[in-house]
């Protein structure tokens, strides 16, 4: 069943002209690029019953309350996904999950477009935060 989901997600990504830069069928992982949207090394984890999208954005060395506050405020405006911090507490990622059972191209495309829009709208903040 996981293979069917990988094939479906890979087909959706190809349809959006995303480049598959890494594929691990055994573990259900795809890594894609979409230069037009500023997406680089977006990890797609196929873990039935969900698809997990994660995009590394930047690392930080120390906690900055103002940065965290701004990221949380921006989450409120984000249509699909959210800013999250990794388990080690030193990286900010974009993360979005979708149900695989009924996933369709429009939902996948909406998530990719939302990430691209977020990256373009919030680019200067992300650059500034990465310098902290």
N, C-alpha and C. Protein backbone atom coordinates (compact mmCIF):
# COMPACT_ATOMS: atom_id res chain seq x y z
N UNK A 1 0.83 -1.20 0.00
CA UNK A 1 0.00 0.00 0.00
C UNK A 1 0.87 1.26 0.00
N UNK A 2 1.96 1.27 0.80
CA UNK A 2 2.84 2.44 0.85
C UNK A 2 3.37 2.77 -0.54
N UNK A 3 3.68 1.72 -1.34
CA UNK A 3 4.21 1.94 -2.68
C UNK A 3 3.21 2.70 -3.53
N UNK A 4 1.93 2.36 -3.43
CA UNK A 4 0.91 3.08 -4.19
C UNK A 4 0.89 4.55 -3.82
N UNK A 5 1.02 4.85 -2.52
CA UNK A 5 1.03 6.24 -2.08
C UNK A 5 2.28 6.96 -2.59
N UNK A 6 3.42 6.30 -2.56
CA UNK A 6 4.65 6.92 -3.08
C UNK A 6 4.48 7.24 -4.56
N UNK A 7 3.93 6.30 -5.31
CA UNK A 7 3.71 6.54 -6.74
C UNK A 7 2.77 7.71 -6.97
N UNK A 8 1.71 7.78 -6.17
CA UNK A 8 0.74 8.88 -6.30
C UNK A 8 1.39 10.22 -5.99
N UNK A 9 2.11 10.30 -4.88
CA UNK A 9 2.75 11.57 -4.48
C UNK A 9 3.83 11.95 -5.48
N UNK A 10 4.59 10.99 -5.96
CA UNK A 10 5.61 11.27 -6.97
C UNK A 10 4.96 11.80 -8.25
N UNK A 11 3.85 11.23 -8.65
CA UNK A 11 3.14 11.70 -9.85
C UNK A 11 2.63 13.13 -9.64
N UNK A 12 2.08 13.43 -8.45
CA UNK A 12 1.62 14.79 -8.15
C UNK A 12 2.78 15.78 -8.25
N UNK A 13 3.92 15.42 -7.65
CA UNK A 13 5.10 16.30 -7.66
C UNK A 13 5.59 16.53 -9.09
N UNK A 14 5.62 15.48 -9.88
CA UNK A 14 6.06 15.61 -11.27
C UNK A 14 5.11 16.50 -12.06
N UNK A 15 3.84 16.36 -11.80
CA UNK A 15 2.83 17.17 -12.49
C UNK A 15 3.02 18.66 -12.20
N UNK A 16 3.59 18.97 -11.03
CA UNK A 16 3.86 20.37 -10.65
C UNK A 16 5.27 20.80 -11.05
N UNK A 17 5.93 19.99 -11.88
CA UNK A 17 7.30 20.25 -12.32
C UNK A 17 8.30 20.30 -11.17
N UNK A 18 8.01 19.56 -10.12
CA UNK A 18 8.97 19.42 -9.02
C UNK A 18 9.99 18.37 -9.41
N UNK A 19 11.21 18.60 -9.03
CA UNK A 19 12.28 17.65 -9.31
C UNK A 19 12.43 16.72 -8.10
N UNK A 20 12.42 15.43 -8.35
CA UNK A 20 12.66 14.45 -7.29
C UNK A 20 14.17 14.36 -7.12
N UNK A 21 14.67 14.81 -5.97
CA UNK A 21 16.12 14.79 -5.74
C UNK A 21 16.57 13.62 -4.88
N UNK A 22 15.62 12.95 -4.25
CA UNK A 22 15.93 11.78 -3.43
C UNK A 22 14.68 10.94 -3.29
N UNK A 23 14.87 9.62 -3.33
CA UNK A 23 13.74 8.72 -3.18
C UNK A 23 14.19 7.49 -2.41
N UNK A 24 13.48 7.19 -1.32
CA UNK A 24 13.72 6.00 -0.51
C UNK A 24 12.39 5.29 -0.36
N UNK A 25 12.13 4.37 -1.26
CA UNK A 25 10.85 3.67 -1.27
C UNK A 25 10.66 2.84 -0.01
N UNK A 26 11.74 2.26 0.48
CA UNK A 26 11.69 1.40 1.67
C UNK A 26 11.12 2.16 2.87
N UNK A 27 11.56 3.40 3.05
CA UNK A 27 11.13 4.20 4.20
C UNK A 27 10.05 5.22 3.85
N UNK A 28 9.60 5.24 2.60
CA UNK A 28 8.53 6.13 2.20
C UNK A 28 8.91 7.60 2.22
N UNK A 29 10.10 7.90 1.69
CA UNK A 29 10.57 9.29 1.71
C UNK A 29 10.90 9.76 0.30
N UNK A 30 10.39 10.93 -0.02
CA UNK A 30 10.76 11.65 -1.24
C UNK A 30 11.30 13.00 -0.81
N UNK A 31 12.27 13.50 -1.55
CA UNK A 31 12.76 14.86 -1.34
C UNK A 31 12.63 15.56 -2.68
N UNK A 32 11.98 16.74 -2.67
CA UNK A 32 11.72 17.42 -3.93
C UNK A 32 12.21 18.86 -3.90
N UNK A 33 12.48 19.38 -5.09
CA UNK A 33 12.80 20.79 -5.30
C UNK A 33 11.77 21.36 -6.26
N UNK A 34 11.43 22.61 -6.04
CA UNK A 34 10.61 23.36 -6.98
C UNK A 34 11.16 24.78 -7.00
N UNK A 35 12.12 25.01 -7.89
CA UNK A 35 12.83 26.29 -7.93
C UNK A 35 11.87 27.46 -8.12
N UNK A 36 10.84 27.28 -8.92
CA UNK A 36 9.90 28.37 -9.19
C UNK A 36 9.25 28.89 -7.91
N UNK A 37 9.05 28.01 -6.95
CA UNK A 37 8.42 28.39 -5.69
C UNK A 37 9.42 28.59 -4.56
N UNK A 38 10.71 28.46 -4.86
CA UNK A 38 11.73 28.64 -3.82
C UNK A 38 11.82 27.46 -2.87
N UNK A 39 11.31 26.32 -3.29
CA UNK A 39 11.30 25.13 -2.45
C UNK A 39 12.54 24.30 -2.76
N UNK A 40 13.32 24.00 -1.72
CA UNK A 40 14.55 23.25 -1.89
C UNK A 40 14.62 22.17 -0.80
N UNK A 41 14.74 20.94 -1.23
CA UNK A 41 14.83 19.80 -0.31
C UNK A 41 13.61 19.66 0.60
N UNK A 42 12.44 19.80 0.03
CA UNK A 42 11.20 19.55 0.77
C UNK A 42 11.07 18.04 0.97
N UNK A 43 10.99 17.62 2.21
CA UNK A 43 10.88 16.20 2.51
C UNK A 43 9.40 15.82 2.58
N UNK A 44 9.07 14.77 1.84
CA UNK A 44 7.72 14.22 1.84
C UNK A 44 7.82 12.84 2.46
N UNK A 45 7.24 12.68 3.64
CA UNK A 45 7.26 11.40 4.34
C UNK A 45 5.92 10.71 4.21
N UNK A 46 5.92 9.57 3.55
CA UNK A 46 4.69 8.79 3.39
C UNK A 46 4.64 7.81 4.56
N UNK A 47 3.78 8.11 5.52
CA UNK A 47 3.63 7.30 6.72
C UNK A 47 2.15 7.03 6.93
N UNK A 48 1.59 6.09 6.12
CA UNK A 48 0.15 5.86 6.19
C UNK A 48 -0.33 5.79 7.64
N UNK A 49 -1.37 6.53 7.94
CA UNK A 49 -2.34 7.13 7.04
C UNK A 49 -2.07 8.59 6.65
N UNK A 50 -0.85 9.11 6.92
CA UNK A 50 -0.62 10.53 6.62
C UNK A 50 0.60 10.75 5.72
N UNK A 51 0.57 11.90 5.07
CA UNK A 51 1.71 12.44 4.34
C UNK A 51 2.23 13.60 5.16
N UNK A 52 3.53 13.60 5.43
CA UNK A 52 4.16 14.67 6.19
C UNK A 52 5.06 15.45 5.26
N UNK A 53 4.87 16.76 5.19
CA UNK A 53 5.74 17.64 4.42
C UNK A 53 6.57 18.44 5.41
N UNK A 54 7.89 18.43 5.22
CA UNK A 54 8.77 19.23 6.07
C UNK A 54 9.81 19.93 5.23
N UNK A 55 9.93 21.23 5.45
CA UNK A 55 10.91 22.07 4.75
C UNK A 55 11.78 22.75 5.79
N UNK A 56 13.08 22.43 5.81
CA UNK A 56 14.01 23.13 6.70
C UNK A 56 14.09 24.59 6.25
N UNK A 57 14.00 25.51 7.20
CA UNK A 57 14.08 26.93 6.88
C UNK A 57 15.36 27.58 7.39
N UNK A 58 15.67 27.40 8.67
CA UNK A 58 16.89 27.98 9.22
C UNK A 58 17.19 27.40 10.60
N UNK A 59 18.45 27.57 11.00
CA UNK A 59 18.90 27.18 12.34
C UNK A 59 19.03 28.43 13.20
N UNK A 60 18.99 28.23 14.52
CA UNK A 60 19.24 29.35 15.43
C UNK A 60 20.03 28.81 16.61
N UNK A 61 20.81 29.69 17.22
CA UNK A 61 21.72 29.29 18.29
C UNK A 61 21.13 29.46 19.68
N UNK A 62 20.26 30.45 19.84
CA UNK A 62 19.69 30.73 21.15
C UNK A 62 18.20 31.06 20.98
N UNK A 63 17.46 30.89 22.07
CA UNK A 63 16.04 31.21 22.04
C UNK A 63 15.85 32.73 21.91
N UNK A 64 14.95 33.12 21.04
CA UNK A 64 14.62 34.53 20.84
C UNK A 64 13.11 34.66 20.89
N UNK A 65 12.60 35.15 22.00
CA UNK A 65 11.15 35.24 22.20
C UNK A 65 10.46 36.04 21.09
N UNK A 66 11.09 37.11 20.65
CA UNK A 66 10.47 37.94 19.61
C UNK A 66 10.34 37.15 18.30
N UNK A 67 11.36 36.38 17.96
CA UNK A 67 11.30 35.55 16.76
C UNK A 67 10.17 34.52 16.89
N UNK A 68 10.14 33.82 18.03
CA UNK A 68 9.10 32.81 18.24
C UNK A 68 7.70 33.44 18.15
N UNK A 69 7.55 34.60 18.74
CA UNK A 69 6.27 35.31 18.72
C UNK A 69 5.86 35.63 17.29
N UNK A 70 6.80 36.14 16.49
CA UNK A 70 6.48 36.49 15.09
C UNK A 70 6.15 35.25 14.27
N UNK A 71 6.85 34.16 14.50
CA UNK A 71 6.56 32.92 13.79
C UNK A 71 5.17 32.40 14.14
N UNK A 72 4.82 32.45 15.41
CA UNK A 72 3.49 32.00 15.82
C UNK A 72 2.40 32.90 15.26
N UNK A 73 2.65 34.19 15.21
CA UNK A 73 1.68 35.11 14.62
C UNK A 73 1.50 34.83 13.14
N UNK A 74 2.60 34.53 12.44
CA UNK A 74 2.51 34.21 11.02
C UNK A 74 1.78 32.90 10.79
N UNK A 75 1.90 31.95 11.73
CA UNK A 75 1.16 30.69 11.61
C UNK A 75 -0.34 30.94 11.47
N UNK A 76 -0.81 31.97 12.11
CA UNK A 76 -2.25 32.28 12.06
C UNK A 76 -2.69 32.63 10.66
N UNK A 77 -1.80 33.23 9.87
CA UNK A 77 -2.12 33.63 8.50
C UNK A 77 -1.86 32.54 7.47
N UNK A 78 -1.14 31.51 7.87
CA UNK A 78 -0.73 30.47 6.94
C UNK A 78 -1.90 29.52 6.68
N UNK A 79 -2.23 29.34 5.41
CA UNK A 79 -3.39 28.53 5.04
C UNK A 79 -3.13 27.04 5.28
N UNK A 80 -2.01 26.55 4.78
CA UNK A 80 -1.64 25.14 4.96
C UNK A 80 -0.33 25.09 5.72
N UNK A 81 -0.25 24.24 6.73
CA UNK A 81 1.00 24.04 7.44
C UNK A 81 1.29 25.11 8.47
N UNK A 82 2.48 24.98 9.07
CA UNK A 82 2.87 25.90 10.13
C UNK A 82 4.38 25.86 10.33
N UNK A 83 4.88 26.90 10.97
CA UNK A 83 6.26 26.90 11.42
C UNK A 83 6.34 26.03 12.66
N UNK A 84 7.38 25.19 12.73
CA UNK A 84 7.60 24.34 13.89
C UNK A 84 9.09 24.34 14.22
N UNK A 85 9.41 23.87 15.40
CA UNK A 85 10.80 23.73 15.83
C UNK A 85 11.09 22.24 15.96
N UNK A 86 12.28 21.83 15.55
CA UNK A 86 12.65 20.41 15.63
C UNK A 86 12.80 19.97 17.09
N UNK A 87 12.97 18.67 17.27
CA UNK A 87 13.06 18.10 18.62
C UNK A 87 14.24 18.64 19.42
N UNK A 88 15.34 18.94 18.72
CA UNK A 88 16.53 19.45 19.40
C UNK A 88 16.39 20.93 19.78
N UNK A 89 15.40 21.59 19.22
CA UNK A 89 15.13 22.98 19.55
C UNK A 89 16.11 23.97 18.95
N UNK A 90 16.66 23.64 17.77
CA UNK A 90 17.62 24.55 17.14
C UNK A 90 17.37 24.82 15.67
N UNK A 91 16.26 24.31 15.13
CA UNK A 91 15.93 24.52 13.72
C UNK A 91 14.45 24.84 13.58
N UNK A 92 14.16 25.74 12.64
CA UNK A 92 12.77 26.05 12.30
C UNK A 92 12.47 25.38 10.96
N UNK A 93 11.33 24.71 10.93
CA UNK A 93 10.86 24.00 9.75
C UNK A 93 9.45 24.46 9.42
N UNK A 94 9.07 24.26 8.18
CA UNK A 94 7.67 24.35 7.80
C UNK A 94 7.17 22.91 7.82
N UNK A 95 6.00 22.67 8.38
CA UNK A 95 5.46 21.31 8.45
C UNK A 95 3.97 21.33 8.14
N UNK A 96 3.57 20.34 7.37
CA UNK A 96 2.16 20.18 7.03
C UNK A 96 1.87 18.69 6.89
N UNK A 97 0.72 18.27 7.36
CA UNK A 97 0.32 16.87 7.23
C UNK A 97 -1.03 16.79 6.52
N UNK A 98 -1.19 15.72 5.74
CA UNK A 98 -2.43 15.47 5.02
C UNK A 98 -2.78 13.98 5.13
N UNK A 99 -4.04 13.69 5.07
CA UNK A 99 -4.49 12.30 5.03
C UNK A 99 -4.19 11.72 3.65
N UNK A 100 -3.60 10.55 3.60
CA UNK A 100 -3.25 9.93 2.33
C UNK A 100 -4.43 9.24 1.66
N UNK A 101 -5.32 8.69 2.44
CA UNK A 101 -6.38 7.85 1.87
C UNK A 101 -7.19 8.57 0.80
N UNK A 102 -7.49 9.84 1.03
CA UNK A 102 -8.32 10.58 0.08
C UNK A 102 -7.59 11.74 -0.58
N UNK A 103 -6.26 11.73 -0.53
CA UNK A 103 -5.50 12.86 -1.07
C UNK A 103 -5.75 12.97 -2.57
N UNK A 104 -5.87 14.21 -3.02
CA UNK A 104 -6.01 14.43 -4.45
C UNK A 104 -5.01 15.50 -4.89
N UNK A 105 -4.89 15.65 -6.18
CA UNK A 105 -3.90 16.57 -6.73
C UNK A 105 -4.13 17.99 -6.25
N UNK A 106 -5.37 18.44 -6.22
CA UNK A 106 -5.66 19.83 -5.82
C UNK A 106 -5.20 20.11 -4.39
N UNK A 107 -5.38 19.16 -3.50
CA UNK A 107 -4.94 19.35 -2.11
C UNK A 107 -3.42 19.42 -2.04
N UNK A 108 -2.74 18.52 -2.75
CA UNK A 108 -1.28 18.52 -2.79
C UNK A 108 -0.76 19.82 -3.39
N UNK A 109 -1.34 20.22 -4.50
CA UNK A 109 -0.94 21.47 -5.15
C UNK A 109 -1.15 22.66 -4.23
N UNK A 110 -2.25 22.70 -3.51
CA UNK A 110 -2.53 23.78 -2.58
C UNK A 110 -1.48 23.88 -1.49
N UNK A 111 -1.03 22.73 -1.00
CA UNK A 111 0.00 22.72 0.04
C UNK A 111 1.33 23.23 -0.50
N UNK A 112 1.71 22.81 -1.69
CA UNK A 112 2.95 23.27 -2.32
C UNK A 112 2.87 24.76 -2.61
N UNK A 113 1.75 25.21 -3.15
CA UNK A 113 1.58 26.64 -3.45
C UNK A 113 1.59 27.48 -2.18
N UNK A 114 1.00 26.97 -1.12
CA UNK A 114 0.98 27.69 0.14
C UNK A 114 2.39 27.86 0.68
N UNK A 115 3.20 26.81 0.60
CA UNK A 115 4.58 26.90 1.05
C UNK A 115 5.35 27.90 0.20
N UNK A 116 5.18 27.84 -1.12
CA UNK A 116 5.86 28.80 -2.00
C UNK A 116 5.48 30.23 -1.69
N UNK A 117 4.20 30.46 -1.46
CA UNK A 117 3.72 31.81 -1.12
C UNK A 117 4.29 32.26 0.22
N UNK A 118 4.28 31.38 1.20
CA UNK A 118 4.83 31.69 2.51
C UNK A 118 6.30 32.07 2.39
N UNK A 119 7.06 31.29 1.63
CA UNK A 119 8.49 31.57 1.46
C UNK A 119 8.72 32.91 0.78
N UNK A 120 7.91 33.23 -0.22
CA UNK A 120 8.11 34.50 -0.91
C UNK A 120 7.67 35.69 -0.06
N UNK A 121 6.55 35.56 0.62
CA UNK A 121 6.04 36.66 1.45
C UNK A 121 6.89 36.92 2.68
N UNK A 122 7.46 35.87 3.24
CA UNK A 122 8.11 35.95 4.54
C UNK A 122 9.63 35.81 4.43
N UNK A 123 10.15 35.89 3.20
CA UNK A 123 11.57 35.64 2.94
C UNK A 123 12.49 36.52 3.77
N UNK A 124 12.20 37.81 3.82
CA UNK A 124 13.11 38.70 4.54
C UNK A 124 13.14 38.38 6.04
N UNK A 125 11.99 38.05 6.60
CA UNK A 125 11.95 37.66 8.02
C UNK A 125 12.77 36.38 8.24
N UNK A 126 12.61 35.41 7.35
CA UNK A 126 13.35 34.15 7.49
C UNK A 126 14.85 34.42 7.41
N UNK A 127 15.25 35.27 6.48
CA UNK A 127 16.67 35.62 6.37
C UNK A 127 17.15 36.30 7.65
N UNK A 128 16.36 37.25 8.15
CA UNK A 128 16.74 37.94 9.38
C UNK A 128 16.82 36.99 10.57
N UNK A 129 15.85 36.08 10.68
CA UNK A 129 15.84 35.14 11.79
C UNK A 129 17.04 34.19 11.71
N UNK A 130 17.44 33.84 10.50
CA UNK A 130 18.57 32.92 10.34
C UNK A 130 19.89 33.51 10.81
N UNK A 131 19.93 34.81 10.98
CA UNK A 131 21.14 35.49 11.44
C UNK A 131 21.23 35.60 12.95
N UNK A 132 20.16 35.20 13.63
CA UNK A 132 20.14 35.30 15.11
C UNK A 132 20.99 34.21 15.74
